């Protein structure tokens, strides 16, 4: 029994935040790994977990094949005191668990985790950025240059391979000369199938009539997600077409502003704000079309959930979404500078196509994602 335990691959996953897509990635990967082959440790800060992550932790707390290390000093902000404490505690976690592989997630964990793994002579160190911090417009030019230098140093001296969730992300790394091309591997996100169809439940939650066409989005009300454009399209569509309902699932800093726009346009009966929902992925079964108006994206889990629901996806032609369109044929792309009327025409085309035979198969699946990750875990040791 003891021999079997220590013949397993000892994998440590390190993350600083467990929300949204990052949480989804971590829990999906851990849930999908063969527990007869892997013994897993997760290092995290429970203060940064969303409700779904907390529910997942409770569900798995008695799972003896997963060991949990909760580091409260593992914070998003740069803090020399907290960062040093987190680093020291992480060294103890590595000593305690003795991993053969360390896989770090996102920028903050990517720095502290790779430093700790290297100092402890871990041979296999993998990094998934989930969108590089140096690409974020929230940071100054000076900060972005510092982040690029850090990424270069860590990739070249502290990383076995970087797993990029999209080709666009890999191209960004090459553009800024983070490392040689062969150090980056594109592994798109994938999600497992739902066990049943939730359309009746979802339509009831939305108050959607049987013949109404529901056009929806699942996202934060933030500038990145560009809800202003979504509302503008809704206003134009509802002027010209009856039997439509627009639904936005999520909250955020721009929510009140969008509610005011909807109220001023007198379309409250046809525009539903559902707020944050733990069942958002099930509610998507109630949509007929998914409309994404983002200014920029990573490799969005909401888009994957739309594809799983076999929805036509009408979306902005921006990095991340372009990558998604490459694996899902039922995607209709528009440019952000296109007129609202032309986007409305594209939306109408997707609605007309609802009853036609369109390929709704995603060409890169959940099992493909797991197979490619585990292939590196098991066969790429340096």
Protein backbone atom coordinates (compact mmCIF):
# COMPACT_ATOMS: atom_id res chain seq x y z
CA UNK A 1 0.00 0.00 0.00
CA UNK A 2 2.79 2.42 0.94
CA UNK A 3 4.75 1.46 -2.17
CA UNK A 4 1.74 2.20 -4.40
CA UNK A 5 1.36 5.64 -2.79
CA UNK A 6 4.93 6.69 -3.48
CA UNK A 7 4.92 5.30 -7.01
CA UNK A 8 2.31 7.92 -7.84
CA UNK A 9 3.18 11.16 -9.61
CA UNK A 10 3.29 13.83 -6.92
CA UNK A 11 1.82 17.00 -8.42
CA UNK A 12 1.65 20.36 -6.64
CA UNK A 13 -0.59 23.04 -8.16
CA UNK A 14 0.01 26.58 -6.87
CA UNK A 15 -2.44 29.45 -7.27
CA UNK A 16 -2.97 32.81 -5.58
CA UNK A 17 -6.57 33.31 -6.69
CA UNK A 18 -9.42 30.86 -7.26
CA UNK A 19 -12.13 32.81 -9.07
CA UNK A 20 -13.93 32.54 -12.40
CA UNK A 21 -11.97 30.97 -15.23
CA UNK A 22 -8.84 30.36 -13.16
CA UNK A 23 -10.85 28.47 -10.54
CA UNK A 24 -12.59 26.54 -13.29
CA UNK A 25 -9.27 25.51 -14.85
CA UNK A 26 -7.75 24.34 -11.57
CA UNK A 27 -10.76 22.33 -10.38
CA UNK A 28 -11.40 20.80 -13.82
CA UNK A 29 -7.76 19.68 -14.13
CA UNK A 30 -7.67 18.21 -10.62
CA UNK A 31 -11.06 16.51 -11.02
CA UNK A 32 -9.98 15.01 -14.35
CA UNK A 33 -6.66 13.53 -13.22
CA UNK A 34 -6.48 9.78 -12.58
CA UNK A 35 -6.20 9.53 -8.77
CA UNK A 36 -4.70 6.05 -9.10
CA UNK A 37 -1.80 7.68 -10.89
CA UNK A 38 -1.57 11.11 -9.22
CA UNK A 39 -1.24 12.35 -5.68
CA UNK A 40 -2.11 16.05 -5.66
CA UNK A 41 -1.41 19.05 -3.46
CA UNK A 42 -3.11 22.42 -3.94
CA UNK A 43 -1.54 25.59 -2.55
CA UNK A 44 -3.96 28.54 -2.44
CA UNK A 45 -5.40 31.41 -0.39
CA UNK A 46 -9.01 30.68 0.58
CA UNK A 47 -9.68 34.43 0.97
CA UNK A 48 -9.49 34.77 -2.82
CA UNK A 49 -11.80 31.88 -3.70
CA UNK A 50 -15.26 32.37 -5.16
CA UNK A 51 -18.28 30.47 -3.80
CA UNK A 52 -17.90 27.63 -6.29
CA UNK A 53 -14.31 27.12 -5.18
CA UNK A 54 -15.31 27.07 -1.52
CA UNK A 55 -18.01 24.50 -2.30
CA UNK A 56 -15.44 22.42 -4.20
CA UNK A 57 -13.00 22.58 -1.27
CA UNK A 58 -15.70 21.39 1.16
CA UNK A 59 -16.58 18.54 -1.18
CA UNK A 60 -12.94 17.42 -1.41
CA UNK A 61 -11.68 18.08 2.12
CA UNK A 62 -11.92 14.40 3.07
CA UNK A 63 -10.35 13.26 -0.20
CA UNK A 64 -7.07 11.70 0.93
CA UNK A 65 -5.67 11.96 -2.60
CA UNK A 66 -5.67 15.78 -2.43
CA UNK A 67 -3.68 17.73 0.16
CA UNK A 68 -4.58 21.38 0.79
CA UNK A 69 -2.22 24.18 1.88
CA UNK A 70 -3.99 27.46 2.64
CA UNK A 71 -1.51 30.41 2.66
CA UNK A 72 -3.18 33.59 3.94
CA UNK A 73 -0.20 35.80 3.04
CA UNK A 74 -0.52 34.80 -0.62
CA UNK A 75 -2.07 38.09 -1.80
CA UNK A 76 -2.55 39.69 -5.23
CA UNK A 77 -0.94 43.02 -4.36
CA UNK A 78 2.85 43.36 -4.27
CA UNK A 79 3.82 43.29 -0.58
CA UNK A 80 7.41 42.50 0.37
CA UNK A 81 6.42 41.28 3.85
CA UNK A 82 3.51 39.11 2.71
CA UNK A 83 5.36 37.87 -0.36
CA UNK A 84 8.37 36.82 1.72
CA UNK A 85 6.10 35.05 4.23
CA UNK A 86 4.25 33.29 1.40
CA UNK A 87 7.56 32.23 -0.16
CA UNK A 88 8.90 30.81 3.11
CA UNK A 89 5.66 28.94 3.80
CA UNK A 90 5.66 27.60 0.26
CA UNK A 91 9.14 26.18 0.79
CA UNK A 92 7.75 24.32 3.82
CA UNK A 93 4.82 23.05 1.73
CA UNK A 94 7.24 21.65 -0.84
CA UNK A 95 9.32 20.01 1.89
CA UNK A 96 6.15 18.52 3.38
CA UNK A 97 4.64 17.16 0.17
CA UNK A 98 7.81 16.45 -1.83
CA UNK A 99 6.35 17.00 -5.31
CA UNK A 100 7.97 15.71 -8.46
CA UNK A 101 6.04 18.28 -10.53
CA UNK A 102 5.02 21.86 -9.71
CA UNK A 103 2.43 23.61 -11.89
CA UNK A 104 1.93 27.31 -11.12
CA UNK A 105 -1.11 29.32 -12.19
CA UNK A 106 -1.21 33.02 -13.19
CA UNK A 107 1.30 35.81 -12.61
CA UNK A 108 1.68 36.17 -8.82
CA UNK A 109 1.85 32.42 -8.13
CA UNK A 110 3.97 32.16 -11.26
CA UNK A 111 6.70 34.28 -9.65
CA UNK A 112 6.74 32.97 -6.07
CA UNK A 113 5.92 29.39 -7.07
CA UNK A 114 8.65 29.06 -9.67
CA UNK A 115 11.27 30.61 -7.39
CA UNK A 116 10.39 28.20 -4.58
CA UNK A 117 10.24 25.16 -6.87
CA UNK A 118 13.62 25.94 -8.40
CA UNK A 119 15.33 26.50 -5.04
CA UNK A 120 13.98 23.09 -3.98
CA UNK A 121 15.42 21.49 -7.14
CA UNK A 122 12.07 20.46 -8.65
CA UNK A 123 12.89 19.19 -12.14
CA UNK A 124 9.49 19.73 -13.76
CA UNK A 125 8.11 23.27 -13.34
CA UNK A 126 5.13 24.25 -15.52
CA UNK A 127 3.48 27.65 -15.79
CA UNK A 128 0.02 28.64 -17.08
CA UNK A 129 -0.23 32.48 -17.22
CA UNK A 130 -3.99 32.75 -17.94
CA UNK A 131 -3.20 36.04 -19.75
CA UNK A 132 0.13 37.75 -19.15
CA UNK A 133 0.07 40.66 -16.70
CA UNK A 134 2.24 42.77 -19.03
CA UNK A 135 -0.65 42.84 -21.52
CA UNK A 136 -3.07 44.41 -19.06
CA UNK A 137 -3.85 48.10 -19.75
CA UNK A 138 -4.38 48.75 -16.02
CA UNK A 139 -0.60 48.89 -15.48
CA UNK A 140 1.75 51.73 -16.41
CA UNK A 141 4.34 51.34 -19.18
CA UNK A 142 7.12 51.11 -16.57
CA UNK A 143 5.33 48.34 -14.66
CA UNK A 144 4.67 46.41 -17.87
CA UNK A 145 8.38 46.57 -18.76
CA UNK A 146 9.25 45.25 -15.29
CA UNK A 147 6.73 42.40 -15.72
CA UNK A 148 8.26 41.53 -19.11
CA UNK A 149 11.74 41.37 -17.56
CA UNK A 150 10.46 39.15 -14.73
CA UNK A 151 8.69 36.82 -17.20
CA UNK A 152 11.86 36.58 -19.32
CA UNK A 153 14.04 35.69 -16.34
CA UNK A 154 11.63 33.13 -14.91
CA UNK A 155 10.86 31.48 -18.26
CA UNK A 156 14.51 31.09 -19.23
CA UNK A 157 15.87 29.88 -15.89
CA UNK A 158 12.98 28.62 -13.75
CA UNK A 159 10.48 26.99 -16.13
CA UNK A 160 10.35 23.67 -17.98
CA UNK A 161 7.41 24.64 -20.21
CA UNK A 162 4.74 27.34 -20.30
CA UNK A 163 1.23 26.18 -21.17
CA UNK A 164 -0.57 28.94 -23.10
CA UNK A 165 -4.36 28.71 -23.27
CA UNK A 166 -4.40 30.23 -26.77
CA UNK A 167 -2.18 30.77 -29.79
CA UNK A 168 -2.64 34.52 -29.29
CA UNK A 169 -1.17 34.28 -25.80
CA UNK A 170 1.84 32.35 -27.13
CA UNK A 171 2.33 34.92 -29.89
CA UNK A 172 2.35 37.68 -27.26
CA UNK A 173 5.13 35.85 -25.40
CA UNK A 174 7.16 35.54 -28.60
CA UNK A 175 6.50 39.16 -29.60
CA UNK A 176 8.05 40.36 -26.32
CA UNK A 177 10.85 37.77 -26.60
CA UNK A 178 10.01 36.08 -23.30
CA UNK A 179 11.76 32.89 -24.45
CA UNK A 180 12.34 30.55 -27.38
CA UNK A 181 9.26 29.23 -29.20
CA UNK A 182 9.86 25.63 -28.09
CA UNK A 183 9.34 26.61 -24.44
CA UNK A 184 5.65 27.43 -25.10
CA UNK A 185 2.89 24.88 -25.63
CA UNK A 186 -0.65 25.87 -26.67
CA UNK A 187 -3.23 23.88 -24.69
CA UNK A 188 -6.70 25.43 -25.04
CA UNK A 189 -9.16 25.16 -22.17
CA UNK A 190 -11.76 22.41 -22.29
CA UNK A 191 -14.80 21.63 -20.12
CA UNK A 192 -16.57 18.36 -19.27
CA UNK A 193 -20.09 17.73 -20.59
CA UNK A 194 -23.15 18.43 -18.44
CA UNK A 195 -24.95 15.39 -17.09
CA UNK A 196 -28.36 16.64 -18.23
CA UNK A 197 -30.14 19.44 -20.10
CA UNK A 198 -31.24 22.43 -18.01
CA UNK A 199 -33.23 24.34 -20.65
CA UNK A 200 -36.64 24.17 -18.92
CA UNK A 201 -35.15 25.28 -15.60
CA UNK A 202 -33.13 28.08 -17.26
CA UNK A 203 -36.04 29.46 -19.26
CA UNK A 204 -38.15 29.54 -16.11
CA UNK A 205 -35.45 31.48 -14.24
CA UNK A 206 -35.30 34.01 -17.08
CA UNK A 207 -39.06 34.30 -17.43
CA UNK A 208 -38.69 33.48 -21.13
CA UNK A 209 -41.76 32.46 -23.14
CA UNK A 210 -41.52 29.33 -25.28
CA UNK A 211 -41.20 31.18 -28.59
CA UNK A 212 -38.96 34.00 -27.35
CA UNK A 213 -35.40 34.08 -28.70
CA UNK A 214 -33.05 34.62 -25.76
CA UNK A 215 -29.75 36.37 -26.48
CA UNK A 216 -27.41 36.22 -23.52
CA UNK A 217 -24.01 36.84 -22.03
CA UNK A 218 -22.26 35.63 -18.86
CA UNK A 219 -19.62 38.12 -17.72
CA UNK A 220 -18.73 40.92 -15.33
CA UNK A 221 -20.06 44.39 -16.06
CA UNK A 222 -16.60 45.78 -16.74
CA UNK A 223 -14.91 47.76 -19.50
CA UNK A 224 -13.19 44.59 -20.71
CA UNK A 225 -16.56 42.94 -21.40
CA UNK A 226 -17.92 46.09 -23.11
CA UNK A 227 -21.55 45.88 -21.86
CA UNK A 228 -22.30 49.29 -23.41
CA UNK A 229 -22.14 47.68 -26.85
CA UNK A 230 -24.29 44.74 -25.72
CA UNK A 231 -26.99 47.16 -24.50
CA UNK A 232 -26.76 49.24 -27.70
CA UNK A 233 -27.28 46.12 -29.81
CA UNK A 234 -30.24 45.14 -27.61
CA UNK A 235 -31.85 48.57 -28.04
CA UNK A 236 -31.48 48.42 -31.84
CA UNK A 237 -32.65 44.80 -32.08
CA UNK A 238 -35.74 45.40 -29.94
CA UNK A 239 -36.70 48.37 -32.13
CA UNK A 240 -36.76 46.15 -35.21
CA UNK A 241 -37.64 42.64 -34.04
CA UNK A 242 -40.34 41.27 -31.75
CA UNK A 243 -40.01 38.16 -29.63
CA UNK A 244 -36.45 38.81 -28.43
CA UNK A 245 -35.20 38.80 -24.85
CA UNK A 246 -31.71 39.87 -23.75
CA UNK A 247 -30.20 38.37 -20.59
CA UNK A 248 -26.95 39.29 -18.81
CA UNK A 249 -25.68 37.02 -16.02
CA UNK A 250 -23.11 38.69 -13.79
CA UNK A 251 -22.44 41.84 -11.79
CA UNK A 252 -19.74 44.47 -11.66
CA UNK A 253 -18.87 48.14 -11.48
CA UNK A 254 -20.82 49.10 -14.62
CA UNK A 255 -24.02 47.26 -13.72
CA UNK A 256 -25.95 50.28 -12.40
CA UNK A 257 -24.97 52.34 -15.43
CA UNK A 258 -26.27 49.58 -17.75
CA UNK A 259 -29.50 49.33 -15.78
CA UNK A 260 -30.00 53.07 -16.28
CA UNK A 261 -29.41 52.75 -20.03
CA UNK A 262 -31.95 49.94 -20.23
CA UNK A 263 -34.47 51.94 -18.19
CA UNK A 264 -34.00 55.08 -20.31
CA UNK A 265 -34.56 53.02 -23.47
CA UNK A 266 -37.77 51.59 -21.93
CA UNK A 267 -36.75 47.98 -22.63
CA UNK A 268 -36.81 46.66 -19.04
CA UNK A 269 -39.36 43.95 -19.90
CA UNK A 270 -37.07 42.55 -22.59
CA UNK A 271 -33.70 42.97 -20.85
CA UNK A 272 -33.12 40.78 -17.79
CA UNK A 273 -30.31 41.34 -15.25
CA UNK A 274 -29.81 38.05 -13.39
CA UNK A 275 -26.77 39.15 -11.38
CA UNK A 276 -24.15 36.71 -10.11
CA UNK A 277 -25.34 33.12 -10.25
CA UNK A 278 -23.60 29.93 -9.13
CA UNK A 279 -25.69 28.09 -11.72
CA UNK A 280 -24.66 30.30 -14.67
CA UNK A 281 -23.30 27.40 -16.72
CA UNK A 282 -26.67 25.63 -16.40
CA UNK A 283 -28.65 28.78 -17.20
CA UNK A 284 -26.80 28.99 -20.50
CA UNK A 285 -28.95 26.08 -21.70
CA UNK A 286 -31.80 28.61 -21.79
CA UNK A 287 -30.05 30.89 -24.30
CA UNK A 288 -30.64 30.65 -28.05
CA UNK A 289 -27.70 32.88 -29.04
CA UNK A 290 -24.59 33.92 -27.13
CA UNK A 291 -23.53 37.53 -27.75
CA UNK A 292 -20.01 38.50 -26.61
CA UNK A 293 -18.96 42.14 -27.02
CA UNK A 294 -15.58 42.04 -25.24
CA UNK A 295 -12.79 44.52 -25.94
CA UNK A 296 -10.28 41.73 -25.25
CA UNK A 297 -10.38 38.15 -23.95
CA UNK A 298 -8.30 35.24 -22.78
CA UNK A 299 -9.72 31.84 -23.67
CA UNK A 300 -13.14 32.36 -22.12
CA UNK A 301 -14.89 29.55 -20.25
CA UNK A 302 -18.22 31.24 -20.95
CA UNK A 303 -17.60 30.80 -24.68
CA UNK A 304 -16.81 27.13 -24.11
CA UNK A 305 -20.02 26.75 -22.12
CA UNK A 306 -21.92 28.40 -24.99
CA UNK A 307 -20.36 25.90 -27.39
CA UNK A 308 -21.27 23.01 -25.06
CA UNK A 309 -24.87 24.27 -25.18
CA UNK A 310 -24.55 24.21 -29.01
CA UNK A 311 -25.35 27.93 -29.26
CA UNK A 312 -24.42 30.16 -32.17
CA UNK A 313 -21.85 32.61 -30.83
CA UNK A 314 -21.88 36.20 -32.15
CA UNK A 315 -18.71 37.84 -30.88
CA UNK A 316 -16.17 40.62 -31.29
CA UNK A 317 -13.12 39.79 -33.40
CA UNK A 318 -10.48 40.19 -30.70
CA UNK A 319 -7.62 37.99 -29.44
CA UNK A 320 -8.91 35.03 -27.46
CA UNK A 321 -12.26 35.03 -29.23
CA UNK A 322 -10.45 34.59 -32.56
CA UNK A 323 -8.77 31.51 -31.03
CA UNK A 324 -12.16 30.22 -29.87
CA UNK A 325 -13.60 30.65 -33.38
CA UNK A 326 -10.80 28.41 -34.59
CA UNK A 327 -12.18 25.45 -32.63
CA UNK A 328 -15.93 26.23 -32.92
CA UNK A 329 -17.37 26.72 -36.39
CA UNK A 330 -20.72 28.11 -35.20
CA UNK A 331 -19.13 31.51 -34.49
CA UNK A 332 -20.03 34.81 -36.16
CA UNK A 333 -17.37 37.49 -35.75
CA UNK A 334 -17.73 41.27 -36.01
CA UNK A 335 -15.23 44.11 -35.65
CA UNK A 336 -15.59 46.43 -32.68
CA UNK A 337 -15.69 49.43 -35.00
CA UNK A 338 -18.63 47.96 -36.99
CA UNK A 339 -21.92 49.85 -36.73
CA UNK A 340 -24.58 48.61 -34.33
CA UNK A 341 -26.84 48.03 -37.35
CA UNK A 342 -24.33 45.73 -39.05
CA UNK A 343 -23.83 43.76 -35.83
CA UNK A 344 -27.62 43.51 -35.52
CA UNK A 345 -27.72 42.09 -39.08
CA UNK A 346 -25.13 39.47 -38.07
CA UNK A 347 -27.22 38.64 -35.00
CA UNK A 348 -30.27 38.18 -37.26
CA UNK A 349 -28.26 35.84 -39.49
CA UNK A 350 -27.34 33.68 -36.48
CA UNK A 351 -31.02 33.52 -35.49
CA UNK A 352 -32.08 32.52 -39.01
CA UNK A 353 -29.41 29.82 -38.95
CA UNK A 354 -30.76 28.35 -35.69
CA UNK A 355 -32.79 25.75 -37.55
CA UNK A 356 -30.13 24.88 -40.11
CA UNK A 357 -27.55 22.14 -39.87
CA UNK A 358 -24.50 23.90 -38.45
CA UNK A 359 -21.42 22.20 -37.03
CA UNK A 360 -21.62 22.69 -33.25
CA UNK A 361 -18.77 20.37 -32.32
CA UNK A 362 -15.81 21.84 -30.45
CA UNK A 363 -12.63 20.55 -32.10
CA UNK A 364 -10.61 20.60 -28.85
CA UNK A 365 -12.34 18.87 -25.93
CA UNK A 366 -11.92 18.52 -22.17
CA UNK A 367 -10.31 15.12 -22.64
CA UNK A 368 -7.94 16.61 -25.23
CA UNK A 369 -6.88 19.26 -22.69
CA UNK A 370 -6.23 16.66 -20.00
CA UNK A 371 -4.41 14.33 -22.38
CA UNK A 372 -2.07 17.07 -23.54
CA UNK A 373 -1.32 18.32 -20.01
CA UNK A 374 -0.71 14.82 -18.63
CA UNK A 375 1.47 13.98 -21.64
CA UNK A 376 3.84 16.72 -20.50
CA UNK A 377 3.54 15.72 -16.85
CA UNK A 378 4.41 12.10 -17.63
CA UNK A 379 6.73 12.21 -20.62
CA UNK A 380 8.60 15.51 -20.63
CA UNK A 381 10.86 15.27 -17.59
CA UNK A 382 14.20 16.99 -18.18
